[in-house]
Amino acid sequence: MSLKHVYLVFCLLGAALPLSQFVPWLIANGADLPLFFEQLLANPISRFFVFDVVVSALVLITFIIVESNRLPIKKGWLAIAATLCVGVSLGLPLFLYLRQLVLDEQRQAG
């Protein structure tokens, strides 16, 4: 299995696992933002994960912007959108997949 296919598998997992928890919550509670943030920040361990994910997302978005300018990655914005809509678990492997496509193309061009 090539590296780009591994990244695609991680994209599937990175979307399916978080959404398998969020979609049922959304169906049960609707777009209740006060409840969402109340539960999200309910205790120190949940805040630990919130802060970790927010910092990771900021680092990833910075990396996507810098790397997309360094390499001709035209669809890097898709990974930013995936990060903001689903999370780092989808945005990172999606960007690595897009980046690998460019690297493979450059390698083949010689």
N, C-alpha and C. Protein backbone atom coordinates (compact mmCIF):
# COMPACT_ATOMS: atom_id res chain seq x y z
N MET A 1 0.85 -1.18 0.00
CA MET A 1 0.00 0.00 0.00
C MET A 1 0.89 1.24 0.00
N SER A 2 0.62 2.16 -0.91
CA SER A 2 1.43 3.37 -1.00
C SER A 2 1.09 4.33 0.14
N LEU A 3 1.98 5.27 0.35
CA LEU A 3 1.79 6.25 1.43
C LEU A 3 0.53 7.06 1.21
N LYS A 4 0.25 7.44 -0.03
CA LYS A 4 -0.95 8.24 -0.27
C LYS A 4 -2.22 7.45 0.06
N HIS A 5 -2.19 6.14 -0.14
CA HIS A 5 -3.35 5.32 0.23
C HIS A 5 -3.48 5.20 1.75
N VAL A 6 -2.37 5.16 2.44
CA VAL A 6 -2.40 5.15 3.91
C VAL A 6 -3.04 6.44 4.40
N TYR A 7 -2.66 7.58 3.80
CA TYR A 7 -3.26 8.86 4.19
C TYR A 7 -4.76 8.87 3.94
N LEU A 8 -5.21 8.26 2.84
CA LEU A 8 -6.65 8.20 2.56
C LEU A 8 -7.38 7.37 3.61
N VAL A 9 -6.77 6.27 4.04
CA VAL A 9 -7.37 5.46 5.11
C VAL A 9 -7.49 6.30 6.38
N PHE A 10 -6.44 7.06 6.69
CA PHE A 10 -6.50 7.93 7.87
C PHE A 10 -7.55 9.02 7.70
N CYS A 11 -7.76 9.50 6.48
CA CYS A 11 -8.84 10.47 6.23
C CYS A 11 -10.19 9.87 6.59
N LEU A 12 -10.41 8.65 6.16
CA LEU A 12 -11.68 7.98 6.46
C LEU A 12 -11.87 7.82 7.97
N LEU A 13 -10.84 7.35 8.64
CA LEU A 13 -10.91 7.21 10.10
C LEU A 13 -11.06 8.56 10.78
N GLY A 14 -10.31 9.54 10.29
CA GLY A 14 -10.31 10.88 10.88
C GLY A 14 -11.63 11.60 10.72
N ALA A 15 -12.41 11.21 9.74
CA ALA A 15 -13.76 11.77 9.58
C ALA A 15 -14.79 10.92 10.32
N ALA A 16 -14.72 9.61 10.13
CA ALA A 16 -15.75 8.72 10.66
C ALA A 16 -15.78 8.68 12.19
N LEU A 17 -14.63 8.59 12.82
CA LEU A 17 -14.62 8.45 14.29
C LEU A 17 -15.15 9.69 15.01
N PRO A 18 -14.64 10.89 14.71
CA PRO A 18 -15.20 12.06 15.41
C PRO A 18 -16.67 12.31 15.07
N LEU A 19 -17.02 12.15 13.79
CA LEU A 19 -18.41 12.40 13.39
C LEU A 19 -19.37 11.37 13.97
N SER A 20 -18.86 10.17 14.26
CA SER A 20 -19.72 9.14 14.87
C SER A 20 -20.16 9.56 16.27
N GLN A 21 -19.44 10.48 16.87
CA GLN A 21 -19.81 11.00 18.19
C GLN A 21 -20.58 12.31 18.08
N PHE A 22 -20.19 13.15 17.12
CA PHE A 22 -20.80 14.48 17.01
C PHE A 22 -22.19 14.43 16.40
N VAL A 23 -22.39 13.65 15.36
CA VAL A 23 -23.69 13.62 14.67
C VAL A 23 -24.81 13.17 15.61
N PRO A 24 -24.64 12.08 16.37
CA PRO A 24 -25.72 11.72 17.31
C PRO A 24 -26.00 12.80 18.36
N TRP A 25 -24.95 13.47 18.83
CA TRP A 25 -25.14 14.56 19.78
C TRP A 25 -25.94 15.68 19.12
N LEU A 26 -25.60 16.01 17.88
CA LEU A 26 -26.30 17.07 17.14
C LEU A 26 -27.76 16.69 16.91
N ILE A 27 -28.02 15.45 16.58
CA ILE A 27 -29.40 14.99 16.38
C ILE A 27 -30.18 15.10 17.69
N ALA A 28 -29.56 14.73 18.79
CA ALA A 28 -30.24 14.75 20.09
C ALA A 28 -30.44 16.16 20.63
N ASN A 29 -29.48 17.06 20.37
CA ASN A 29 -29.50 18.38 21.00
C ASN A 29 -29.70 19.54 20.05
N GLY A 30 -29.61 19.28 18.76
CA GLY A 30 -29.70 20.38 17.80
C GLY A 30 -28.48 21.27 17.90
N ALA A 31 -28.59 22.44 17.32
CA ALA A 31 -27.47 23.38 17.32
C ALA A 31 -27.50 24.25 18.58
N ASP A 32 -27.51 23.60 19.72
CA ASP A 32 -27.56 24.28 21.01
C ASP A 32 -26.14 24.66 21.42
N LEU A 33 -25.69 25.83 20.98
CA LEU A 33 -24.30 26.24 21.24
C LEU A 33 -23.99 26.40 22.72
N PRO A 34 -24.87 27.00 23.53
CA PRO A 34 -24.55 27.07 24.96
C PRO A 34 -24.34 25.69 25.58
N LEU A 35 -25.19 24.72 25.24
CA LEU A 35 -25.01 23.36 25.76
C LEU A 35 -23.73 22.74 25.21
N PHE A 36 -23.46 22.97 23.94
CA PHE A 36 -22.24 22.44 23.33
C PHE A 36 -21.01 22.90 24.10
N PHE A 37 -20.91 24.21 24.33
CA PHE A 37 -19.74 24.73 25.04
C PHE A 37 -19.74 24.35 26.52
N GLU A 38 -20.91 24.25 27.11
CA GLU A 38 -20.98 23.80 28.51
C GLU A 38 -20.41 22.39 28.64
N GLN A 39 -20.80 21.51 27.74
CA GLN A 39 -20.31 20.13 27.80
C GLN A 39 -18.86 20.02 27.34
N LEU A 40 -18.50 20.83 26.36
CA LEU A 40 -17.13 20.80 25.85
C LEU A 40 -16.12 21.20 26.92
N LEU A 41 -16.50 22.18 27.74
CA LEU A 41 -15.58 22.72 28.75
C LEU A 41 -15.97 22.29 30.17
N ALA A 42 -16.63 21.15 30.29
CA ALA A 42 -17.24 20.72 31.55
C ALA A 42 -16.25 20.44 32.67
N ASN A 43 -15.04 20.00 32.34
CA ASN A 43 -14.11 19.62 33.41
C ASN A 43 -12.67 19.79 32.91
N PRO A 44 -11.71 19.68 33.81
CA PRO A 44 -10.31 19.91 33.41
C PRO A 44 -9.82 18.99 32.30
N ILE A 45 -10.23 17.74 32.29
CA ILE A 45 -9.73 16.82 31.26
C ILE A 45 -10.31 17.17 29.90
N SER A 46 -11.56 17.58 29.85
CA SER A 46 -12.13 17.97 28.56
C SER A 46 -11.49 19.27 28.07
N ARG A 47 -11.21 20.20 28.99
CA ARG A 47 -10.52 21.44 28.60
C ARG A 47 -9.11 21.15 28.11
N PHE A 48 -8.44 20.17 28.72
CA PHE A 48 -7.13 19.74 28.25
C PHE A 48 -7.20 19.36 26.78
N PHE A 49 -8.18 18.53 26.42
CA PHE A 49 -8.31 18.10 25.03
C PHE A 49 -8.71 19.25 24.11
N VAL A 50 -9.56 20.14 24.58
CA VAL A 50 -9.95 21.30 23.77
C VAL A 50 -8.72 22.14 23.45
N PHE A 51 -7.93 22.47 24.46
CA PHE A 51 -6.76 23.30 24.24
C PHE A 51 -5.75 22.61 23.34
N ASP A 52 -5.56 21.32 23.54
CA ASP A 52 -4.64 20.55 22.70
C ASP A 52 -5.07 20.57 21.24
N VAL A 53 -6.35 20.35 20.99
CA VAL A 53 -6.85 20.31 19.62
C VAL A 53 -6.81 21.70 18.98
N VAL A 54 -7.15 22.73 19.73
CA VAL A 54 -7.12 24.09 19.17
C VAL A 54 -5.69 24.48 18.78
N VAL A 55 -4.73 24.22 19.65
CA VAL A 55 -3.34 24.54 19.33
C VAL A 55 -2.87 23.70 18.13
N SER A 56 -3.21 22.43 18.12
CA SER A 56 -2.84 21.56 17.00
C SER A 56 -3.44 22.06 15.69
N ALA A 57 -4.69 22.50 15.73
CA ALA A 57 -5.34 23.02 14.53
C ALA A 57 -4.65 24.28 14.03
N LEU A 58 -4.28 25.17 14.94
CA LEU A 58 -3.57 26.40 14.54
C LEU A 58 -2.22 26.08 13.91
N VAL A 59 -1.50 25.14 14.51
CA VAL A 59 -0.21 24.73 13.95
C VAL A 59 -0.41 24.10 12.58
N LEU A 60 -1.41 23.25 12.45
CA LEU A 60 -1.68 22.59 11.17
C LEU A 60 -2.05 23.60 10.09
N ILE A 61 -2.91 24.55 10.40
CA ILE A 61 -3.30 25.55 9.41
C ILE A 61 -2.09 26.37 8.98
N THR A 62 -1.24 26.73 9.92
CA THR A 62 0.00 27.44 9.57
C THR A 62 0.86 26.59 8.65
N PHE A 63 1.03 25.32 8.98
CA PHE A 63 1.82 24.40 8.15
C PHE A 63 1.22 24.27 6.75
N ILE A 64 -0.09 24.16 6.67
CA ILE A 64 -0.75 24.03 5.37
C ILE A 64 -0.49 25.26 4.51
N ILE A 65 -0.62 26.43 5.09
CA ILE A 65 -0.40 27.68 4.34
C ILE A 65 1.04 27.77 3.87
N VAL A 66 1.99 27.53 4.76
CA VAL A 66 3.41 27.63 4.40
C VAL A 66 3.78 26.59 3.36
N GLU A 67 3.38 25.35 3.59
CA GLU A 67 3.76 24.26 2.69
C GLU A 67 3.05 24.37 1.34
N SER A 68 1.83 24.89 1.33
CA SER A 68 1.12 25.08 0.07
C SER A 68 1.77 26.17 -0.78
N ASN A 69 2.39 27.13 -0.14
CA ASN A 69 3.13 28.16 -0.88
C ASN A 69 4.49 27.66 -1.34
N ARG A 70 5.09 26.78 -0.57
CA ARG A 70 6.40 26.23 -0.93
C ARG A 70 6.29 25.25 -2.08
N LEU A 71 5.30 24.40 -2.02
CA LEU A 71 5.04 23.43 -3.09
C LEU A 71 3.79 23.89 -3.85
N PRO A 72 3.63 23.47 -5.07
CA PRO A 72 2.42 23.89 -5.80
C PRO A 72 1.19 23.06 -5.40
N ILE A 73 0.78 23.19 -4.14
CA ILE A 73 -0.40 22.47 -3.66
C ILE A 73 -1.59 23.41 -3.81
N LYS A 74 -2.37 23.18 -4.86
CA LYS A 74 -3.44 24.11 -5.20
C LYS A 74 -4.69 23.92 -4.34
N LYS A 75 -4.88 22.75 -3.80
CA LYS A 75 -6.10 22.48 -3.04
C LYS A 75 -5.85 22.37 -1.54
N GLY A 76 -4.82 23.04 -1.06
CA GLY A 76 -4.54 23.03 0.36
C GLY A 76 -5.68 23.59 1.19
N TRP A 77 -6.44 24.49 0.57
CA TRP A 77 -7.59 25.09 1.27
C TRP A 77 -8.60 24.02 1.68
N LEU A 78 -8.67 22.91 0.94
CA LEU A 78 -9.58 21.83 1.32
C LEU A 78 -9.22 21.26 2.69
N ALA A 79 -7.93 21.14 2.95
CA ALA A 79 -7.48 20.62 4.24
C ALA A 79 -7.77 21.61 5.37
N ILE A 80 -7.68 22.91 5.07
CA ILE A 80 -8.05 23.91 6.08
C ILE A 80 -9.54 23.81 6.38
N ALA A 81 -10.35 23.70 5.33
CA ALA A 81 -11.80 23.56 5.53
C ALA A 81 -12.12 22.28 6.32
N ALA A 82 -11.44 21.19 5.99
CA ALA A 82 -11.66 19.92 6.71
C ALA A 82 -11.28 20.05 8.18
N THR A 83 -10.19 20.78 8.45
CA THR A 83 -9.76 20.99 9.83
C THR A 83 -10.79 21.79 10.60
N LEU A 84 -11.32 22.83 9.98
CA LEU A 84 -12.30 23.68 10.66
C LEU A 84 -13.66 23.01 10.80
N CYS A 85 -14.03 22.17 9.85
CA CYS A 85 -15.36 21.54 9.87
C CYS A 85 -15.39 20.23 10.65
N VAL A 86 -14.32 19.45 10.59
CA VAL A 86 -14.28 18.16 11.28
C VAL A 86 -13.22 18.18 12.37
N GLY A 87 -11.99 18.50 11.99
CA GLY A 87 -10.92 18.55 12.97
C GLY A 87 -9.58 18.18 12.38
N VAL A 88 -8.58 18.23 13.22
CA VAL A 88 -7.22 17.87 12.83
C VAL A 88 -7.17 16.43 12.33
N SER A 89 -8.03 15.59 12.88
CA SER A 89 -8.02 14.17 12.51
C SER A 89 -8.35 13.95 11.04
N LEU A 90 -9.02 14.88 10.40
CA LEU A 90 -9.26 14.81 8.95
C LEU A 90 -8.34 15.75 8.20
N GLY A 91 -8.15 16.96 8.72
CA GLY A 91 -7.35 17.96 8.01
C GLY A 91 -5.91 17.54 7.79
N LEU A 92 -5.29 16.93 8.80
CA LEU A 92 -3.88 16.54 8.67
C LEU A 92 -3.69 15.44 7.63
N PRO A 93 -4.38 14.31 7.71
CA PRO A 93 -4.14 13.29 6.69
C PRO A 93 -4.57 13.75 5.29
N LEU A 94 -5.59 14.60 5.20
CA LEU A 94 -5.99 15.11 3.89
C LEU A 94 -4.89 15.96 3.29
N PHE A 95 -4.30 16.84 4.11
CA PHE A 95 -3.21 17.67 3.58
C PHE A 95 -2.01 16.81 3.22
N LEU A 96 -1.68 15.84 4.05
CA LEU A 96 -0.54 14.97 3.74
C LEU A 96 -0.79 14.20 2.45
N TYR A 97 -2.03 13.80 2.20
CA TYR A 97 -2.39 13.14 0.94
C TYR A 97 -2.17 14.10 -0.24
N LEU A 98 -2.70 15.32 -0.13
CA LEU A 98 -2.55 16.30 -1.20
C LEU A 98 -1.07 16.63 -1.44
N ARG A 99 -0.33 16.73 -0.37
CA ARG A 99 1.11 17.01 -0.47
C ARG A 99 1.84 15.85 -1.14
N GLN A 100 1.47 14.62 -0.79
CA GLN A 100 2.11 13.45 -1.38
C GLN A 100 1.83 13.36 -2.87
N LEU A 101 0.64 13.76 -3.30
CA LEU A 101 0.33 13.78 -4.74
C LEU A 101 1.32 14.68 -5.49
N VAL A 102 1.58 15.85 -4.93
CA VAL A 102 2.52 16.79 -5.55
C VAL A 102 3.93 16.23 -5.53
N LEU A 103 4.35 15.67 -4.40
CA LEU A 103 5.70 15.11 -4.30
C LEU A 103 5.88 13.95 -5.27
N ASP A 104 4.87 13.09 -5.41
CA ASP A 104 4.96 11.98 -6.37
C ASP A 104 5.04 12.50 -7.80
N GLU A 105 4.27 13.53 -8.09
CA GLU A 105 4.29 14.13 -9.42
C GLU A 105 5.66 14.73 -9.72
N GLN A 106 6.23 15.43 -8.75
CA GLN A 106 7.56 16.02 -8.93
C GLN A 106 8.62 14.94 -9.12
N ARG A 107 8.49 13.86 -8.37
CA ARG A 107 9.44 12.76 -8.46
C ARG A 107 9.37 12.11 -9.85
N GLN A 108 8.17 11.94 -10.38
CA GLN A 108 8.01 11.34 -11.71
C GLN A 108 8.51 12.26 -12.81
N ALA A 109 8.38 13.57 -12.61
CA ALA A 109 8.84 14.53 -13.61
C ALA A 109 10.37 14.58 -13.65
N GLY A 110 10.98 14.13 -12.58
CA GLY A 110 12.41 14.01 -12.53
C GLY A 110 13.13 15.21 -12.12
